[in-house]
PDB file of N, CA and C in Angstrom:
ATOM      1  N   MET A   1       0.788  -1.116   0.118  1.00  0.00           N
ATOM      2  CA  MET A   1      -0.048   0.047   0.161  1.00  0.00           C
ATOM      3  C   MET A   1       0.806   1.098  -0.047  1.00  0.00           C
ATOM      4  N   PRO A   2       0.648   2.161  -0.979  1.00  0.00           N
ATOM      5  CA  PRO A   2       1.609   3.511  -0.753  1.00  0.00           C
ATOM      6  C   PRO A   2       1.228   4.211   0.118  1.00  0.00           C
ATOM      7  N   SER A   3       2.250   5.071   0.494  1.00  0.00           N
ATOM      8  CA  SER A   3       2.237   6.003   1.580  1.00  0.00           C
ATOM      9  C   SER A   3       1.179   7.025   1.518  1.00  0.00           C
ATOM     10  N   ALA A   4       0.938   7.300   0.285  1.00  0.00           N
ATOM     11  CA  ALA A   4      -0.370   8.219  -0.148  1.00  0.00           C
ATOM     12  C   ALA A   4      -1.451   7.801   0.186  1.00  0.00           C
ATOM     13  N   LEU A   5      -1.652   6.573   0.145  1.00  0.00           N
ATOM     14  CA  LEU A   5      -2.920   5.914   0.541  1.00  0.00           C
ATOM     15  C   LEU A   5      -3.073   5.794   2.065  1.00  0.00           C
ATOM     16  N   LEU A   6      -1.981   5.417   2.596  1.00  0.00           N
ATOM     17  CA  LEU A   6      -1.891   5.259   3.985  1.00  0.00           C
ATOM     18  C   LEU A   6      -2.018   6.575   4.832  1.00  0.00           C
ATOM     19  N   SER A   7      -1.486   7.591   4.091  1.00  0.00           N
ATOM     20  CA  SER A   7      -1.691   8.899   4.584  1.00  0.00           C
ATOM     21  C   SER A   7      -3.126   9.554   4.485  1.00  0.00           C
ATOM     22  N   GLU A   8      -3.828   9.216   3.400  1.00  0.00           N
ATOM     23  CA  GLU A   8      -5.277   9.395   3.306  1.00  0.00           C
ATOM     24  C   GLU A   8      -6.177   8.652   4.295  1.00  0.00           C
ATOM     25  N   SER A   9      -5.831   7.497   4.528  1.00  0.00           N
ATOM     26  CA  SER A   9      -6.633   6.651   5.496  1.00  0.00           C
ATOM     27  C   SER A   9      -6.423   7.068   6.829  1.00  0.00           C
ATOM     28  N   THR A  10      -5.178   7.656   7.162  1.00  0.00           N
ATOM     29  CA  THR A  10      -4.878   7.896   8.524  1.00  0.00           C
ATOM     30  C   THR A  10      -5.105   9.374   8.987  1.00  0.00           C
ATOM     31  N   GLY A  11      -5.204  10.282   7.999  1.00  0.00           N
ATOM     32  CA  GLY A  11      -5.590  11.582   8.261  1.00  0.00           C
ATOM     33  C   GLY A  11      -4.126  12.383   8.483  1.00  0.00           C
ATOM     34  N   THR A  12      -3.083  11.764   7.902  1.00  0.00           N
ATOM     35  CA  THR A  12      -1.733  12.507   8.150  1.00  0.00           C
ATOM     36  C   THR A  12      -1.115  12.570   6.736  1.00  0.00           C
ATOM     37  N   ASN A  13       0.145  13.347   6.687  1.00  0.00           N
ATOM     38  CA  ASN A  13       0.663  13.341   5.418  1.00  0.00           C
ATOM     39  C   ASN A  13       1.432  12.095   5.181  1.00  0.00           C
ATOM     40  N   ALA A  14       1.785  11.901   3.825  1.00  0.00           N
ATOM     41  CA  ALA A  14       2.596  10.932   3.201  1.00  0.00           C
ATOM     42  C   ALA A  14       4.049  10.917   3.869  1.00  0.00           C
ATOM     43  N   VAL A  15       4.632  12.151   4.041  1.00  0.00           N
ATOM     44  CA  VAL A  15       5.924  12.199   4.557  1.00  0.00           C
ATOM     45  C   VAL A  15       5.976  11.728   6.157  1.00  0.00           C
ATOM     46  N   SER A  16       4.888  11.868   6.800  1.00  0.00           N
ATOM     47  CA  SER A  16       4.792  11.362   8.211  1.00  0.00           C
ATOM     48  C   SER A  16       4.620   9.905   8.296  1.00  0.00           C
ATOM     49  N   ILE A  17       4.213   9.207   7.149  1.00  0.00           N
ATOM     50  CA  ILE A  17       3.987   7.812   7.132  1.00  0.00           C
ATOM     51  C   ILE A  17       5.417   7.289   6.576  1.00  0.00           C
ATOM     52  N   ARG A  18       6.077   7.917   5.587  1.00  0.00           N
ATOM     53  CA  ARG A  18       7.394   7.447   5.358  1.00  0.00           C
ATOM     54  C   ARG A  18       8.316   7.461   6.494  1.00  0.00           C
ATOM     55  N   ASN A  19       8.241   8.695   7.120  1.00  0.00           N
ATOM     56  CA  ASN A  19       9.075   8.942   8.457  1.00  0.00           C
ATOM     57  C   ASN A  19       8.892   7.813   9.272  1.00  0.00           C
ATOM     58  N   ALA A  20       7.470   7.371   9.769  1.00  0.00           N
ATOM     59  CA  ALA A  20       7.315   6.328  10.689  1.00  0.00           C
ATOM     60  C   ALA A  20       7.874   5.059  10.175  1.00  0.00           C
ATOM     61  N   LEU A  21       7.573   4.891   8.842  1.00  0.00           N
ATOM     62  CA  LEU A  21       7.957   3.573   8.331  1.00  0.00           C
ATOM     63  C   LEU A  21       9.884   3.483   8.387  1.00  0.00           C
ATOM     64  N   GLY A  22      10.196   4.376   8.184  1.00  0.00           N
ATOM     65  CA  GLY A  22      11.807   4.530   8.203  1.00  0.00           C
ATOM     66  C   GLY A  22      12.161   4.262   9.618  1.00  0.00           C
ATOM     67  N   ALA A  23      11.566   4.667  10.770  1.00  0.00           N
ATOM     68  CA  ALA A  23      11.914   4.658  12.031  1.00  0.00           C
ATOM     69  C   ALA A  23      11.665   2.980  12.490  1.00  0.00           C
ATOM     70  N   LEU A  24      10.466   2.426  11.950  1.00  0.00           N
ATOM     71  CA  LEU A  24      10.207   1.072  12.164  1.00  0.00           C
ATOM     72  C   LEU A  24      11.284   0.235  11.527  1.00  0.00           C
ATOM     73  N   LYS A  25      11.797   0.703  10.311  1.00  0.00           N
ATOM     74  CA  LYS A  25      12.813   0.067   9.833  1.00  0.00           C
ATOM     75  C   LYS A  25      14.080   0.109  10.545  1.00  0.00           C
ATOM     76  N   ARG A  26      14.560   1.236  11.008  1.00  0.00           N
ATOM     77  CA  ARG A  26      15.713   1.373  11.789  1.00  0.00           C
ATOM     78  C   ARG A  26      15.669   0.448  13.040  1.00  0.00           C
ATOM     79  N   ALA A  27      14.418   0.402  13.540  1.00  0.00           N
ATOM     80  CA  ALA A  27      14.396  -0.210  14.947  1.00  0.00           C
ATOM     81  C   ALA A  27      14.274  -1.891  14.703  1.00  0.00           C
ATOM     82  N   GLY A  28      14.135  -2.325  13.389  1.00  0.00           N
ATOM     83  CA  GLY A  28      14.360  -3.705  13.010  1.00  0.00           C
ATOM     84  C   GLY A  28      13.003  -4.332  13.294  1.00  0.00           C
ATOM     85  N   LEU A  29      11.910  -3.384  13.101  1.00  0.00           N
ATOM     86  CA  LEU A  29      10.420  -4.014  13.173  1.00  0.00           C
ATOM     87  C   LEU A  29       9.802  -4.309  12.090  1.00  0.00           C
ATOM     88  N   ILE A  30      10.452  -3.733  10.784  1.00  0.00           N
ATOM     89  CA  ILE A  30       9.865  -4.131   9.508  1.00  0.00           C
ATOM     90  C   ILE A  30      11.001  -4.293   8.656  1.00  0.00           C
ATOM     91  N   THR A  31      10.771  -4.799   7.620  1.00  0.00           N
ATOM     92  CA  THR A  31      11.878  -4.665   6.387  1.00  0.00           C
ATOM     93  C   THR A  31      11.089  -4.063   5.322  1.00  0.00           C
ATOM     94  N   VAL A  32      11.899  -3.248   4.587  1.00  0.00           N
ATOM     95  CA  VAL A  32      11.361  -2.651   3.318  1.00  0.00           C
ATOM     96  C   VAL A  32      11.955  -3.305   2.214  1.00  0.00           C
ATOM     97  N   ALA A  33      11.239  -3.526   1.085  1.00  0.00           N
ATOM     98  CA  ALA A  33      11.903  -4.068  -0.150  1.00  0.00           C
ATOM     99  C   ALA A  33      12.274  -2.788  -1.019  1.00  0.00           C
ATOM    100  N   ARG A  34      13.548  -3.024  -1.477  1.00  0.00           N
ATOM    101  CA  ARG A  34      14.284  -1.927  -2.245  1.00  0.00           C
ATOM    102  C   ARG A  34      13.668  -1.797  -3.624  1.00  0.00           C
ATOM    103  N   GLY A  35      13.417  -0.545  -4.053  1.00  0.00           N
ATOM    104  CA  GLY A  35      12.905  -0.364  -5.427  1.00  0.00           C
ATOM    105  C   GLY A  35      11.182  -0.364  -5.565  1.00  0.00           C
ATOM    106  N   THR A  36      10.765  -1.511  -5.484  1.00  0.00           N
ATOM    107  CA  THR A  36       9.344  -1.753  -5.406  1.00  0.00           C
ATOM    108  C   THR A  36       8.519  -1.045  -4.176  1.00  0.00           C
ATOM    109  N   GLY A  37       9.203  -1.049  -3.051  1.00  0.00           N
ATOM    110  CA  GLY A  37       8.624  -0.592  -1.710  1.00  0.00           C
ATOM    111  C   GLY A  37       8.014  -1.934  -1.003  1.00  0.00           C
ATOM    112  N   GLY A  38       7.154  -1.492  -0.284  1.00  0.00           N
ATOM    113  CA  GLY A  38       6.318  -2.679   0.447  1.00  0.00           C
ATOM    114  C   GLY A  38       7.032  -3.029   1.580  1.00  0.00           C
ATOM    115  N   ALA A  39       6.343  -3.114   2.878  1.00  0.00           N
ATOM    116  CA  ALA A  39       7.129  -3.464   4.248  1.00  0.00           C
ATOM    117  C   ALA A  39       6.568  -4.669   4.607  1.00  0.00           C
ATOM    118  N   GLU A  40       7.055  -5.371   5.334  1.00  0.00           N
ATOM    119  CA  GLU A  40       6.893  -6.834   6.139  1.00  0.00           C
ATOM    120  C   GLU A  40       7.324  -6.625   7.463  1.00  0.00           C
ATOM    121  N   LEU A  41       6.656  -7.186   8.306  1.00  0.00           N
ATOM    122  CA  LEU A  41       7.205  -7.489   9.665  1.00  0.00           C
ATOM    123  C   LEU A  41       8.272  -8.318   9.681  1.00  0.00           C
ATOM    124  N   ALA A  42       9.243  -7.790  10.584  1.00  0.00           N
ATOM    125  CA  ALA A  42      10.734  -8.509  10.569  1.00  0.00           C
ATOM    126  C   ALA A  42      10.647  -9.528  11.821  1.00  0.00           C
ATOM    127  N   ARG A  43       9.500  -9.336  12.740  1.00  0.00           N
ATOM    128  CA  ARG A  43       9.197 -10.355  13.640  1.00  0.00           C
ATOM    129  C   ARG A  43       7.787 -10.787  13.582  1.00  0.00           C
ATOM    130  N   THR A  44       7.246 -11.856  14.216  1.00  0.00           N
ATOM    131  CA  THR A  44       5.969 -11.968  14.498  1.00  0.00           C
ATOM    132  C   THR A  44       5.046 -11.059  15.305  1.00  0.00           C
ATOM    133  N   PRO A  45       3.957 -10.655  15.156  1.00  0.00           N
ATOM    134  CA  PRO A  45       3.107  -9.874  15.838  1.00  0.00           C
ATOM    135  C   PRO A  45       3.071 -10.235  17.172  1.00  0.00           C
ATOM    136  N   LYS A  46       3.324 -11.477  17.759  1.00  0.00           N
ATOM    137  CA  LYS A  46       3.494 -11.838  19.201  1.00  0.00           C
ATOM    138  C   LYS A  46       4.840 -11.406  19.785  1.00  0.00           C
ATOM    139  N   GLU A  47       5.642 -10.906  18.968  1.00  0.00           N
ATOM    140  CA  GLU A  47       7.128 -10.720  19.410  1.00  0.00           C
ATOM    141  C   GLU A  47       7.291  -9.149  19.224  1.00  0.00           C
ATOM    142  N   ILE A  48       6.445  -8.522  18.824  1.00  0.00           N
ATOM    143  CA  ILE A  48       6.421  -6.947  18.646  1.00  0.00           C
ATOM    144  C   ILE A  48       5.479  -6.456  19.744  1.00  0.00           C
ATOM    145  N   THR A  49       5.952  -5.723  20.600  1.00  0.00           N
ATOM    146  CA  THR A  49       5.078  -4.856  21.630  1.00  0.00           C
ATOM    147  C   THR A  49       4.634  -3.418  21.467  1.00  0.00           C
ATOM    148  N   LEU A  50       3.898  -2.932  21.905  1.00  0.00           N
ATOM    149  CA  LEU A  50       3.508  -1.543  21.790  1.00  0.00           C
ATOM    150  C   LEU A  50       4.716  -0.693  22.252  1.00  0.00           C
ATOM    151  N   LEU A  51       5.399  -1.195  23.358  1.00  0.00           N
ATOM    152  CA  LEU A  51       6.430  -0.391  23.693  1.00  0.00           C
ATOM    153  C   LEU A  51       7.685  -0.300  22.644  1.00  0.00           C
ATOM    154  N   ASP A  52       7.798  -1.494  21.769  1.00  0.00           N
ATOM    155  CA  ASP A  52       8.706  -1.242  20.650  1.00  0.00           C
ATOM    156  C   ASP A  52       8.347  -0.213  19.843  1.00  0.00           C
ATOM    157  N   ILE A  53       7.037  -0.458  19.566  1.00  0.00           N
ATOM    158  CA  ILE A  53       6.440   0.518  18.460  1.00  0.00           C
ATOM    159  C   ILE A  53       6.781   1.990  18.888  1.00  0.00           C
ATOM    160  N   TYR A  54       6.391   2.232  19.987  1.00  0.00           N
ATOM    161  CA  TYR A  54       6.300   3.576  20.682  1.00  0.00           C
ATOM    162  C   TYR A  54       8.004   4.007  20.606  1.00  0.00           C
ATOM    163  N   GLN A  55       8.912   3.223  21.154  1.00  0.00           N
ATOM    164  CA  GLN A  55      10.443   3.455  21.188  1.00  0.00           C
ATOM    165  C   GLN A  55      10.968   3.790  19.686  1.00  0.00           C
ATOM    166  N   ALA A  56      10.453   3.073  18.803  1.00  0.00           N
ATOM    167  CA  ALA A  56      10.757   3.294  17.452  1.00  0.00           C
ATOM    168  C   ALA A  56      10.355   4.639  16.986  1.00  0.00           C
ATOM    169  N   VAL A  57       9.150   4.999  17.061  1.00  0.00           N
ATOM    170  CA  VAL A  57       8.649   6.263  16.320  1.00  0.00           C
ATOM    171  C   VAL A  57       8.366   7.439  17.071  1.00  0.00           C
ATOM    172  N   GLU A  58       8.537   7.248  18.368  1.00  0.00           N
ATOM    173  CA  GLU A  58       8.480   8.518  19.113  1.00  0.00           C
ATOM    174  C   GLU A  58       9.924   9.029  19.616  1.00  0.00           C
ATOM    175  N   SER A  59      10.125  10.427  19.477  1.00  0.00           N
ATOM    176  CA  SER A  59      11.418  11.126  19.867  1.00  0.00           C
ATOM    177  C   SER A  59      11.546  11.252  21.514  1.00  0.00           C
ATOM    178  N   THR A  60      10.186  11.104  22.057  1.00  0.00           N
ATOM    179  CA  THR A  60      10.252  11.312  23.556  1.00  0.00           C
ATOM    180  C   THR A  60      10.404   9.882  24.278  1.00  0.00           C
ATOM    181  N   ASN A  61      11.549   9.811  25.155  1.00  0.00           N
ATOM    182  CA  ASN A  61      11.603   8.714  26.082  1.00  0.00           C
ATOM    183  C   ASN A  61      10.417   8.740  26.918  1.00  0.00           C
ATOM    184  N   LEU A  62      10.092   7.345  27.277  1.00  0.00           N
ATOM    185  CA  LEU A  62       8.963   7.376  28.299  1.00  0.00           C
ATOM    186  C   LEU A  62       9.445   7.895  29.519  1.00  0.00           C
ATOM    187  N   ASP A  63      10.432   8.087  29.921  1.00  0.00           N
ATOM    188  CA  ASP A  63      10.842   8.574  31.265  1.00  0.00           C
ATOM    189  C   ASP A  63      10.504  10.208  31.220  1.00  0.00           C
ATOM    190  N   ASP A  64      10.471  10.699  30.067  1.00  0.00           N
ATOM    191  CA  ASP A  64      10.314  12.243  29.721  1.00  0.00           C
ATOM    192  C   ASP A  64       9.042  12.559  29.137  1.00  0.00           C
ATOM    193  N   VAL A  65       7.990  11.557  29.311  1.00  0.00           N
ATOM    194  CA  VAL A  65       6.563  11.922  28.715  1.00  0.00           C
ATOM    195  C   VAL A  65       6.041  12.948  29.393  1.00  0.00           C
ATOM    196  N   ILE A  66       6.284  12.966  30.889  1.00  0.00           N
ATOM    197  CA  ILE A  66       5.682  14.039  31.548  1.00  0.00           C
ATOM    198  C   ILE A  66       6.855  15.133  31.711  1.00  0.00           C
ATOM    199  N   GLY A  67       6.768  16.173  30.943  1.00  0.00           N
ATOM    200  CA  GLY A  67       7.830  17.146  30.926  1.00  0.00           C
ATOM    201  C   GLY A  67       8.209  17.869  32.035  1.00  0.00           C
ATOM    202  N   ILE A  68       9.532  17.940  32.383  1.00  0.00           N
ATOM    203  CA  ILE A  68      10.018  18.667  33.505  1.00  0.00           C
ATOM    204  C   ILE A  68      10.987  19.648  32.999  1.00  0.00           C
ATOM    205  N   HIS A  69      10.562  20.935  33.140  1.00  0.00           N
ATOM    206  CA  HIS A  69      11.722  22.054  32.736  1.00  0.00           C
ATOM    207  C   HIS A  69      13.026  21.964  33.464  1.00  0.00           C
ATOM    208  N   GLU A  70      13.584  22.647  32.557  1.00  0.00           N
ATOM    209  CA  GLU A  70      15.281  22.647  33.181  1.00  0.00           C
ATOM    210  C   GLU A  70      15.112  23.448  34.430  1.00  0.00           C
ATOM    211  N   ARG A  71      16.251  23.109  35.393  1.00  0.00           N
ATOM    212  CA  ARG A  71      16.379  23.739  36.499  1.00  0.00           C
ATOM    213  C   ARG A  71      16.414  25.420  36.464  1.00  0.00           C
ATOM    214  N   GLY A  72      15.735  26.106  37.284  1.00  0.00           N
ATOM    215  CA  GLY A  72      15.782  27.392  37.301  1.00  0.00           C
ATOM    216  C   GLY A  72      16.800  27.925  38.008  1.00  0.00           C
ATOM    217  N   ASN A  73      16.249  29.046  38.787  1.00  0.00           N
ATOM    218  CA  ASN A  73      17.203  29.962  39.683  1.00  0.00           C
ATOM    219  C   ASN A  73      17.777  29.017  40.780  1.00  0.00           C
ATOM    220  N   HIS A  74      19.064  28.684  40.781  1.00  0.00           N
ATOM    221  CA  HIS A  74      19.668  27.958  41.856  1.00  0.00           C
ATOM    222  C   HIS A  74      19.669  28.427  43.338  1.00  0.00           C
ATOM    223  N   THR A  75      19.448  29.790  43.260  1.00  0.00           N
ATOM    224  CA  THR A  75      19.363  30.393  44.641  1.00  0.00           C
ATOM    225  C   THR A  75      18.217  30.190  45.417  1.00  0.00           C
ATOM    226  N   CYS A  76      16.994  29.776  44.605  1.00  0.00           N
ATOM    227  CA  CYS A  76      15.806  29.416  45.027  1.00  0.00           C
ATOM    228  C   CYS A  76      15.830  27.980  45.423  1.00  0.00           C
ATOM    229  N   PRO A  77      15.293  27.736  46.811  1.00  0.00           N
ATOM    230  CA  PRO A  77      15.216  26.306  47.146  1.00  0.00           C
ATOM    231  C   PRO A  77      14.225  25.462  46.503  1.00  0.00           C
ATOM    232  N   VAL A  78      12.950  26.087  46.071  1.00  0.00           N
ATOM    233  CA  VAL A  78      12.008  25.415  45.052  1.00  0.00           C
ATOM    234  C   VAL A  78      12.761  25.001  43.825  1.00  0.00           C
ATOM    235  N   ALA A  79      13.216  26.067  43.113  1.00  0.00           N
ATOM    236  CA  ALA A  79      13.857  25.561  41.674  1.00  0.00           C
ATOM    237  C   ALA A  79      14.910  24.780  41.895  1.00  0.00           C
ATOM    238  N   ARG A  80      15.705  24.822  43.030  1.00  0.00           N
ATOM    239  CA  ARG A  80      16.947  23.782  43.154  1.00  0.00           C
ATOM    240  C   ARG A  80      16.431  22.515  43.456  1.00  0.00           C
ATOM    241  N   ASN A  81      15.320  22.186  44.015  1.00  0.00           N
ATOM    242  CA  ASN A  81      14.971  21.052  44.357  1.00  0.00           C
ATOM    243  C   ASN A  81      13.761  20.302  43.557  1.00  0.00           C
ATOM    244  N   ILE A  82      12.853  21.057  42.848  1.00  0.00           N
ATOM    245  CA  ILE A  82      11.805  20.796  42.201  1.00  0.00           C
ATOM    246  C   ILE A  82      11.911  19.474  41.165  1.00  0.00           C
ATOM    247  N   HIS A  83      13.109  19.677  40.574  1.00  0.00           N
ATOM    248  CA  HIS A  83      13.382  18.933  39.333  1.00  0.00           C
ATOM    249  C   HIS A  83      13.542  17.371  39.903  1.00  0.00           C
ATOM    250  N   ASP A  84      14.082  17.330  41.120  1.00  0.00           N
ATOM    251  CA  ASP A  84      14.517  15.924  41.564  1.00  0.00           C
ATOM    252  C   ASP A  84      13.205  15.379  42.230  1.00  0.00           C
ATOM    253  N   VAL A  85      12.376  16.287  42.975  1.00  0.00           N
ATOM    254  CA  VAL A  85      10.997  15.990  43.507  1.00  0.00           C
ATOM    255  C   VAL A  85      10.135  15.211  42.395  1.00  0.00           C
ATOM    256  N   LEU A  86      10.112  16.083  41.424  1.00  0.00           N
ATOM    257  CA  LEU A  86       9.095  15.628  40.208  1.00  0.00           C
ATOM    258  C   LEU A  86       9.617  14.423  39.547  1.00  0.00           C
ATOM    259  N   LYS A  87      10.829  14.392  39.392  1.00  0.00           N
ATOM    260  CA  LYS A  87      11.403  13.190  38.760  1.00  0.00           C
ATOM    261  C   LYS A  87      11.327  11.902  39.604  1.00  0.00           C
ATOM    262  N   ASP A  88      11.561  12.019  40.928  1.00  0.00           N
ATOM    263  CA  ASP A  88      11.188  10.750  41.891  1.00  0.00           C
ATOM    264  C   ASP A  88       9.808  10.531  41.772  1.00  0.00           C
ATOM    265  N   ALA A  89       8.793  11.643  41.865  1.00  0.00           N
ATOM    266  CA  ALA A  89       7.278  11.275  41.652  1.00  0.00           C
ATOM    267  C   ALA A  89       6.925  10.564  40.161  1.00  0.00           C
ATOM    268  N   TYR A  90       7.382  11.124  39.246  1.00  0.00           N
ATOM    269  CA  TYR A  90       7.087  10.524  38.040  1.00  0.00           C
ATOM    270  C   TYR A  90       7.581   9.296  37.670  1.00  0.00           C
ATOM    271  N   ALA A  91       8.676   8.712  38.290  1.00  0.00           N
ATOM    272  CA  ALA A  91       9.407   7.648  37.824  1.00  0.00           C
ATOM    273  C   ALA A  91       8.528   6.353  37.924  1.00  0.00           C
ATOM    274  N   PRO A  92       7.526   6.271  39.004  1.00  0.00           N
ATOM    275  CA  PRO A  92       6.730   4.852  38.985  1.00  0.00           C
ATOM    276  C   PRO A  92       5.699   5.103  37.812  1.00  0.00           C
ATOM    277  N   VAL A  93       5.330   6.254  37.336  1.00  0.00           N
ATOM    278  CA  VAL A  93       4.403   6.511  36.438  1.00  0.00           C
ATOM    279  C   VAL A  93       4.912   6.152  35.206  1.00  0.00           C
ATOM    280  N   ALA A  94       6.210   6.523  34.755  1.00  0.00           N
ATOM    281  CA  ALA A  94       6.783   5.915  33.608  1.00  0.00           C
ATOM    282  C   ALA A  94       6.828   4.628  33.534  1.00  0.00           C
ATOM    283  N   LYS A  95       7.363   3.990  34.658  1.00  0.00           N
ATOM    284  CA  LYS A  95       7.448   2.471  34.790  1.00  0.00           C
ATOM    285  C   LYS A  95       6.272   1.847  34.565  1.00  0.00           C
ATOM    286  N   ALA A  96       5.115   2.269  35.129  1.00  0.00           N
ATOM    287  CA  ALA A  96       3.894   1.781  34.834  1.00  0.00           C
ATOM    288  C   ALA A  96       3.593   1.713  33.304  1.00  0.00           C
ATOM    289  N   MET A  97       3.703   3.045  32.860  1.00  0.00           N
ATOM    290  CA  MET A  97       3.425   2.941  31.282  1.00  0.00           C
ATOM    291  C   MET A  97       4.313   2.115  30.573  1.00  0.00           C
ATOM    292  N   SER A  98       5.454   2.055  30.701  1.00  0.00           N
ATOM    293  CA  SER A  98       6.381   0.897  30.190  1.00  0.00           C
ATOM    294  C   SER A  98       5.962  -0.505  30.289  1.00  0.00           C
ATOM    295  N   ASP A  99       5.786  -0.658  31.687  1.00  0.00           N
ATOM    296  CA  ASP A  99       5.155  -2.127  31.693  1.00  0.00           C
ATOM    297  C   ASP A  99       3.905  -2.475  31.097  1.00  0.00           C
ATOM    298  N   SER A 100       2.845  -1.452  30.897  1.00  0.00           N
ATOM    299  CA  SER A 100       1.709  -1.823  30.371  1.00  0.00           C
ATOM    300  C   SER A 100       1.892  -1.776  28.946  1.00  0.00           C
ATOM    301  N   MET A 101       2.757  -0.882  28.481  1.00  0.00           N
ATOM    302  CA  MET A 101       2.853  -1.092  26.892  1.00  0.00           C
ATOM    303  C   MET A 101       3.796  -2.344  26.467  1.00  0.00           C
ATOM    304  N   ARG A 102       4.531  -2.857  27.364  1.00  0.00           N
ATOM    305  CA  ARG A 102       5.357  -4.011  27.238  1.00  0.00           C
ATOM    306  C   ARG A 102       4.404  -5.239  27.077  1.00  0.00           C
ATOM    307  N   GLU A 103       3.243  -5.130  27.778  1.00  0.00           N
ATOM    308  CA  GLU A 103       2.138  -6.225  27.850  1.00  0.00           C
ATOM    309  C   GLU A 103       1.338  -6.534  26.607  1.00  0.00           C
ATOM    310  N   VAL A 104       1.301  -5.291  25.887  1.00  0.00           N
ATOM    311  CA  VAL A 104       0.357  -5.266  24.718  1.00  0.00           C
ATOM    312  C   VAL A 104       1.242  -5.425  23.553  1.00  0.00           C
ATOM    313  N   THR A 105       0.936  -6.652  22.737  1.00  0.00           N
ATOM    314  CA  THR A 105       1.532  -7.122  21.637  1.00  0.00           C
ATOM    315  C   THR A 105       0.747  -6.459  20.350  1.00  0.00           C
ATOM    316  N   LEU A 106       1.442  -6.568  19.157  1.00  0.00           N
ATOM    317  CA  LEU A 106       0.810  -6.225  17.920  1.00  0.00           C
ATOM    318  C   LEU A 106      -0.228  -7.288  17.624  1.00  0.00           C
ATOM    319  N   ALA A 107       0.038  -8.617  18.046  1.00  0.00           N
ATOM    320  CA  ALA A 107      -0.915  -9.590  17.994  1.00  0.00           C
ATOM    321  C   ALA A 107      -2.236  -9.262  18.702  1.00  0.00           C
ATOM    322  N   ASN A 108      -2.082  -8.647  19.997  1.00  0.00           N
ATOM    323  CA  ASN A 108      -3.230  -8.356  20.590  1.00  0.00           C
ATOM    324  C   ASN A 108      -4.123  -7.061  19.870  1.00  0.00           C
ATOM    325  N   MET A 109      -3.598  -6.190  19.392  1.00  0.00           N
ATOM    326  CA  MET A 109      -4.068  -5.101  18.697  1.00  0.00           C
ATOM    327  C   MET A 109      -4.687  -5.832  17.480  1.00  0.00           C
ATOM    328  N   LEU A 110      -4.034  -6.664  16.720  1.00  0.00           N
ATOM    329  CA  LEU A 110      -4.469  -7.073  15.278  1.00  0.00           C
ATOM    330  C   LEU A 110      -5.945  -7.798  15.669  1.00  0.00           C
ATOM    331  N   ALA A 111      -5.861  -8.589  16.847  1.00  0.00           N
ATOM    332  CA  ALA A 111      -6.971  -9.313  17.062  1.00  0.00           C
ATOM    333  C   ALA A 111      -8.325  -8.488  17.462  1.00  0.00           C
ATOM    334  N   ASP A 112      -7.757  -7.316  18.139  1.00  0.00           N
ATOM    335  CA  ASP A 112      -9.002  -6.443  18.511  1.00  0.00           C
ATOM    336  C   ASP A 112      -9.431  -5.929  17.387  1.00  0.00           C
ATOM    337  N   TYR A 113      -8.455  -5.309  16.382  1.00  0.00           N
ATOM    338  CA  TYR A 113      -9.001  -4.741  15.163  1.00  0.00           C
ATOM    339  C   TYR A 113      -9.918  -5.707  14.335  1.00  0.00           C
ATOM    340  N   ARG A 114      -9.414  -7.046  14.191  1.00  0.00           N
ATOM    341  CA  ARG A 114     -10.203  -8.051  13.566  1.00  0.00           C
ATOM    342  C   ARG A 114     -11.645  -8.301  14.149  1.00  0.00           C
ATOM    343  N   ASN A 115     -11.684  -8.183  15.419  1.00  0.00           N
ATOM    344  CA  ASN A 115     -12.873  -8.387  16.098  1.00  0.00           C
ATOM    345  C   ASN A 115     -13.697  -7.207  15.822  1.00  0.00           C
ATOM    346  N   ARG A 116     -13.311  -6.108  15.724  1.00  0.00           N
ATOM    347  CA  ARG A 116     -14.185  -4.840  15.595  1.00  0.00           C
ATOM    348  C   ARG A 116     -14.672  -4.796  14.221  1.00  0.00           C
ATOM    349  N   ILE A 117     -13.946  -5.163  13.282  1.00  0.00           N
ATOM    350  CA  ILE A 117     -14.165  -5.217  11.810  1.00  0.00           C
ATOM    351  C   ILE A 117     -15.370  -6.531  11.631  1.00  0.00           C
ATOM    352  N   GLY A 118     -15.265  -7.451  12.245  1.00  0.00           N
ATOM    353  CA  GLY A 118     -16.144  -8.605  12.366  1.00  0.00           C
ATOM    354  C   GLY A 118     -17.595  -8.122  12.705  1.00  0.00           C
ATOM    355  N   VAL A 119     -17.320  -7.368  13.894  1.00  0.00           N
ATOM    356  CA  VAL A 119     -18.617  -6.687  14.514  1.00  0.00           C
ATOM    357  C   VAL A 119     -19.279  -5.926  13.384  1.00  0.00           C
ATOM    358  N   LYS A 120     -18.540  -4.868  12.956  1.00  0.00           N
ATOM    359  CA  LYS A 120     -19.112  -3.955  12.042  1.00  0.00           C
ATOM    360  C   LYS A 120     -19.598  -4.594  10.707  1.00  0.00           C
ATOM    361  N   ALA A 121     -19.021  -5.622  10.448  1.00  0.00           N
ATOM    362  CA  ALA A 121     -19.631  -6.452   9.055  1.00  0.00           C
ATOM    363  C   ALA A 121     -20.749  -7.041   9.339  1.00  0.00           C
ATOM    364  N   ARG A 122     -21.026  -7.567  10.697  1.00  0.00           N
ATOM    365  CA  ARG A 122     -22.236  -8.467  10.918  1.00  0.00           C
ATOM    366  C   ARG A 122     -23.365  -7.387  11.117  1.00  0.00           C
ATOM    367  N   GLN A 123     -22.933  -6.040  11.690  1.00  0.00           N
ATOM    368  CA  GLN A 123     -24.113  -4.977  11.887  1.00  0.00           C
ATOM    369  C   GLN A 123     -24.624  -4.685  10.401  1.00  0.00           C
ATOM    370  N   LEU A 124     -23.714  -4.485   9.371  1.00  0.00           N
ATOM    371  CA  LEU A 124     -24.023  -4.277   8.284  1.00  0.00           C
ATOM    372  C   LEU A 124     -25.059  -5.086   7.430  1.00  0.00           C
ATOM    373  N   GLU A 125     -24.898  -6.362   7.670  1.00  0.00           N
ATOM    374  CA  GLU A 125     -25.680  -7.420   6.970  1.00  0.00           C
ATOM    375  C   GLU A 125     -27.088  -7.588   7.767  1.00  0.00           C
ATOM    376  N   GLN A 126     -27.294  -6.866   8.945  1.00  0.00           N
ATOM    377  CA  GLN A 126     -28.614  -6.860   9.453  1.00  0.00           C
ATOM    378  C   GLN A 126     -29.502  -5.951   8.831  1.00  0.00           C
TER     379      GLN A 126
END
């Protein structure tokens, strides 16, 4: 399927699709045929997690999802300590997100998708 069709289907531009595919390829999640194009999974859907996909396509590390600005005025006790306080508070949140994403596989998402399509197809038949 060409990136132009994928972009139309997903509501984004073709460059974003090509960038995402390039990131997935660099991460070793897909292979892309030279010349003719076309992508295939490099591993089985059971072996690819949502965390794998996130880490491949997102520029933000999960530890940094909840943004913490740079340290401010070092003479201020709040500014001097807030970064470490927030980092310690956010660490379990980032771990929980990572653990949850690690449990969801591409196979899970494909099964959910197929189930939803089947439900819609049956609804259309009635």
